[in-house]
Amino acid sequence: MGVTIAGPDGRSRCAWCAAAPEFLHYHDTEWGFPVADDQRLFEKLSLEAFQSGLSWRTILAKRENFRVAFHGFDFNRIAQFGERDVERLMDDGGIVRHRGKIEAVIHNARMAEQLVEREGSLAAYFWRFEPDARQLAAPQSVSTSVASQALAKDLKRSGWKFVGPTTVYAFMQAMGLVNDHMPGCAIQDQVEQARKRFSRPVLRTTSRLTG
């Protein structure tokens, strides 16, 4: 870790961009930029769950197929899925056909509905777990954190599945709860400026957050 590379425009990027051609656009336009849209947040957490044990390249290559199969990750629609939908998804060669993960996304959609009813939005809930800058490790030096452990624990307590601390930390990196771009990366400052401009959502009620 701790390495940057020169991108095609000569500017430095996080070294993981070199692993696959499609990573550069994802790195430059999505990874780490703050997200407040509930549907996008549910998509990101669901795809991180699907990624468990696989490469992110596999998931990114199939992302559009996932979006079609799961109705754009509209969790209100997914919450209505039944066994016929599970079988339909198991027959879909365009996605990762893992029954446990498919069933977990459907189950988590129902949990998401309950969370929104209880606390107003997924965004307000997730952003409550934004770590203090003093808690952060060096960029890309860890796969879990105190904040990801706390969020994973709270989600599991509420009944969510496939939300371990490592999966949750990858989600936090992807949706901007942390800026994990390397020092010297051309996108790091763009993400930081976006985070400064970003209006943190407000919870409707007090969460059960505990350490």
Protein backbone atom coordinates (compact mmCIF):
# COMPACT_ATOMS: atom_id res chain seq x y z
CA MET A 1 0.00 0.00 0.00
CA GLY A 2 0.99 3.63 -0.08
CA VAL A 3 1.74 3.65 -3.82
CA THR A 4 0.48 5.86 -6.63
CA ILE A 5 0.89 5.45 -10.37
CA ALA A 6 0.83 7.85 -13.31
CA GLY A 7 -2.52 7.86 -15.08
CA PRO A 8 -2.97 8.26 -18.86
CA ASP A 9 -3.11 12.05 -18.38
CA GLY A 10 0.14 12.04 -16.42
CA ARG A 11 -1.53 12.73 -13.08
CA SER A 12 -1.02 10.40 -10.13
CA ARG A 13 -3.69 7.90 -9.12
CA CYS A 14 -4.08 5.21 -6.46
CA ALA A 15 -2.08 2.20 -7.63
CA TRP A 16 -5.09 -0.15 -7.68
CA CYS A 17 -6.31 1.67 -10.81
CA ALA A 18 -3.70 -0.25 -12.79
CA ALA A 19 -5.32 -3.61 -11.99
CA ALA A 20 -7.97 -3.28 -14.72
CA PRO A 21 -8.74 -0.72 -17.46
CA GLU A 22 -12.25 -0.08 -16.16
CA PHE A 23 -11.00 0.82 -12.70
CA LEU A 24 -9.73 4.27 -13.71
CA HIS A 25 -13.15 5.74 -14.49
CA TYR A 26 -14.66 4.22 -11.36
CA HIS A 27 -11.79 5.58 -9.26
CA ASP A 28 -11.98 9.06 -10.79
CA THR A 29 -15.74 9.55 -10.74
CA GLU A 30 -17.24 7.41 -7.97
CA TRP A 31 -14.94 5.90 -5.37
CA GLY A 32 -14.95 8.00 -2.21
CA PHE A 33 -17.29 10.72 -3.44
CA PRO A 34 -20.07 11.25 -0.85
CA VAL A 35 -23.44 9.64 -1.57
CA ALA A 36 -26.76 10.59 0.00
CA ASP A 37 -29.21 8.77 -2.29
CA ASP A 38 -30.79 5.80 -0.53
CA GLN A 39 -31.11 3.66 -3.66
CA ARG A 40 -27.44 4.17 -4.57
CA LEU A 41 -26.40 3.40 -1.01
CA PHE A 42 -28.38 0.16 -1.02
CA GLU A 43 -26.78 -0.75 -4.36
CA LYS A 44 -23.28 -0.10 -3.06
CA LEU A 45 -23.76 -2.14 0.10
CA SER A 46 -25.39 -4.98 -1.85
CA LEU A 47 -22.60 -5.10 -4.42
CA GLU A 48 -19.97 -5.12 -1.70
CA ALA A 49 -21.76 -8.13 -0.22
CA PHE A 50 -21.72 -9.86 -3.61
CA GLN A 51 -18.01 -9.03 -3.91
CA SER A 52 -17.14 -10.98 -0.75
CA GLY A 53 -14.69 -13.69 -1.79
CA LEU A 54 -14.48 -12.37 -5.35
CA SER A 55 -12.63 -9.60 -7.16
CA TRP A 56 -14.17 -6.14 -7.50
CA ARG A 57 -13.46 -6.37 -11.23
CA THR A 58 -15.96 -9.22 -11.47
CA ILE A 59 -18.65 -7.16 -9.76
CA LEU A 60 -17.95 -3.97 -11.70
CA ALA A 61 -18.11 -5.87 -15.00
CA LYS A 62 -21.52 -7.25 -14.04
CA ARG A 63 -22.89 -4.10 -12.38
CA GLU A 64 -25.30 -3.15 -15.17
CA ASN A 65 -26.64 -6.71 -15.18
CA PHE A 66 -27.13 -6.50 -11.43
CA ARG A 67 -29.02 -3.23 -11.85
CA VAL A 68 -31.38 -4.79 -14.37
CA ALA A 69 -31.89 -7.95 -12.32
CA PHE A 70 -32.57 -6.04 -9.10
CA HIS A 71 -34.67 -3.21 -10.61
CA GLY A 72 -32.01 -0.56 -10.09
CA PHE A 73 -31.63 -1.68 -6.47
CA ASP A 74 -34.97 -0.12 -5.55
CA PHE A 75 -35.21 -1.81 -2.16
CA ASN A 76 -38.97 -1.22 -1.93
CA ARG A 77 -39.42 -3.38 -5.03
CA ILE A 78 -36.82 -5.93 -4.00
CA ALA A 79 -38.54 -6.35 -0.64
CA GLN A 80 -41.50 -7.85 -2.54
CA PHE A 81 -39.37 -10.55 -4.18
CA GLY A 82 -40.35 -14.15 -3.50
CA GLU A 83 -39.00 -17.60 -4.25
CA ARG A 84 -39.77 -17.30 -7.97
CA ASP A 85 -37.58 -14.21 -8.09
CA VAL A 86 -34.79 -16.08 -6.32
CA GLU A 87 -34.97 -18.83 -8.95
CA ARG A 88 -35.06 -16.22 -11.73
CA LEU A 89 -31.90 -14.64 -10.35
CA MET A 90 -30.22 -18.02 -9.91
CA ASP A 91 -30.79 -18.60 -13.65
CA ASP A 92 -29.34 -15.18 -14.60
CA GLY A 93 -25.84 -15.73 -15.97
CA GLY A 94 -25.22 -11.98 -16.01
CA ILE A 95 -24.89 -11.74 -12.24
CA VAL A 96 -23.16 -13.68 -9.47
CA ARG A 97 -25.42 -16.68 -8.89
CA HIS A 98 -24.90 -17.23 -5.18
CA ARG A 99 -28.17 -18.17 -3.49
CA GLY A 100 -27.11 -16.99 -0.05
CA LYS A 101 -26.10 -13.56 -1.33
CA ILE A 102 -29.21 -13.19 -3.49
CA GLU A 103 -31.45 -14.08 -0.57
CA ALA A 104 -29.46 -11.71 1.65
CA VAL A 105 -30.11 -8.76 -0.69
CA ILE A 106 -33.83 -9.51 -0.67
CA HIS A 107 -33.82 -9.85 3.10
CA ASN A 108 -31.77 -6.67 3.50
CA ALA A 109 -34.24 -4.78 1.31
CA ARG A 110 -36.92 -5.56 3.90
CA MET A 111 -34.54 -4.47 6.65
CA ALA A 112 -33.90 -1.24 4.70
CA GLU A 113 -37.61 -0.51 4.57
CA GLN A 114 -37.81 -0.90 8.33
CA LEU A 115 -34.76 1.27 8.87
CA VAL A 116 -36.18 4.07 6.70
CA GLU A 117 -39.49 3.89 8.54
CA ARG A 118 -37.65 4.07 11.86
CA GLU A 119 -34.99 6.65 11.10
CA GLY A 120 -36.05 8.59 8.02
CA SER A 121 -33.50 7.44 5.42
CA LEU A 122 -30.61 5.09 4.86
CA ALA A 123 -28.39 8.09 4.19
CA ALA A 124 -29.03 9.70 7.55
CA TYR A 125 -28.37 6.40 9.29
CA PHE A 126 -25.14 5.56 7.46
CA TRP A 127 -23.69 9.06 7.73
CA ARG A 128 -24.04 8.91 11.48
CA PHE A 129 -21.14 6.45 11.41
CA GLU A 130 -18.73 8.86 9.72
CA PRO A 131 -15.51 8.49 11.73
CA ASP A 132 -13.66 11.35 13.33
CA ALA A 133 -10.52 12.20 11.36
CA ARG A 134 -8.45 11.31 14.42
CA GLN A 135 -9.72 7.72 14.21
CA LEU A 136 -8.54 7.16 10.65
CA ALA A 137 -5.64 4.93 9.71
CA ALA A 138 -3.35 5.77 6.82
CA PRO A 139 -5.23 5.47 3.50
CA GLN A 140 -5.62 1.91 2.20
CA SER A 141 -3.65 0.48 5.12
CA VAL A 142 -6.51 -1.41 6.82
CA SER A 143 -9.52 -3.50 5.79
CA THR A 144 -11.64 -2.74 8.86
CA SER A 145 -11.94 0.12 11.33
CA VAL A 146 -13.59 1.02 14.61
CA ALA A 147 -16.38 2.72 12.64
CA SER A 148 -16.92 -0.22 10.27
CA GLN A 149 -17.05 -2.60 13.21
CA ALA A 150 -19.64 -0.40 14.92
CA LEU A 151 -21.76 -0.09 11.78
CA ALA A 152 -21.54 -3.82 11.05
CA LYS A 153 -22.54 -4.61 14.61
CA ASP A 154 -25.52 -2.27 14.48
CA LEU A 155 -26.70 -3.60 11.11
CA LYS A 156 -26.43 -7.20 12.31
CA ARG A 157 -28.34 -6.30 15.46
CA SER A 158 -31.10 -5.00 13.21
CA GLY A 159 -31.12 -8.26 11.22
CA TRP A 160 -29.05 -7.40 8.13
CA LYS A 161 -26.98 -10.16 6.49
CA PHE A 162 -23.59 -10.28 4.73
CA VAL A 163 -22.51 -7.07 6.47
CA GLY A 164 -19.26 -8.00 8.20
CA PRO A 165 -16.74 -5.29 9.16
CA THR A 166 -14.61 -5.83 6.04
CA THR A 167 -17.59 -5.60 3.67
CA VAL A 168 -18.83 -2.56 5.54
CA TYR A 169 -15.43 -0.87 5.41
CA ALA A 170 -15.30 -1.34 1.62
CA PHE A 171 -18.78 0.20 1.47
CA MET A 172 -17.61 3.15 3.59
CA GLN A 173 -14.69 3.71 1.21
CA ALA A 174 -16.95 3.51 -1.83
CA MET A 175 -19.70 5.86 -0.62
CA GLY A 176 -17.51 8.52 0.93
CA LEU A 177 -17.74 7.96 4.67
CA VAL A 178 -13.95 7.95 4.45
CA ASN A 179 -11.61 9.46 1.86
CA ASP A 180 -9.19 6.60 1.32
CA HIS A 181 -7.45 7.98 -1.76
CA MET A 182 -3.69 7.97 -1.38
CA PRO A 183 -1.76 11.18 -0.61
CA GLY A 184 -0.61 12.48 -3.98
CA CYS A 185 -3.55 10.92 -5.85
CA ALA A 186 -5.07 13.54 -8.16
CA ILE A 187 -8.57 12.61 -7.03
CA GLN A 188 -7.93 12.81 -3.29
CA ASP A 189 -8.40 16.58 -3.14
CA GLN A 190 -11.48 16.42 -5.40
CA VAL A 191 -13.06 13.95 -2.99
CA GLU A 192 -12.08 16.05 0.00
CA GLN A 193 -13.62 19.17 -1.54
CA ALA A 194 -16.80 17.23 -2.35
CA ARG A 195 -16.94 16.03 1.25
CA LYS A 196 -16.59 19.62 2.51
CA ARG A 197 -19.48 20.76 0.30
CA PHE A 198 -21.62 17.76 1.17
CA SER A 199 -24.61 18.34 3.45
CA ARG A 200 -24.76 15.45 5.92
CA PRO A 201 -28.28 14.00 6.18
CA VAL A 202 -29.97 14.31 9.57
CA LEU A 203 -31.56 11.41 11.41
CA ARG A 204 -35.25 11.60 12.19
CA THR A 205 -34.74 9.85 15.53
CA THR A 206 -31.86 8.79 17.73
CA SER A 207 -30.24 5.53 16.65
CA ARG A 208 -29.28 2.71 18.96
CA LEU A 209 -25.63 3.30 18.04
CA THR A 210 -23.23 1.85 20.53
CA GLY A 211 -19.51 1.19 20.33
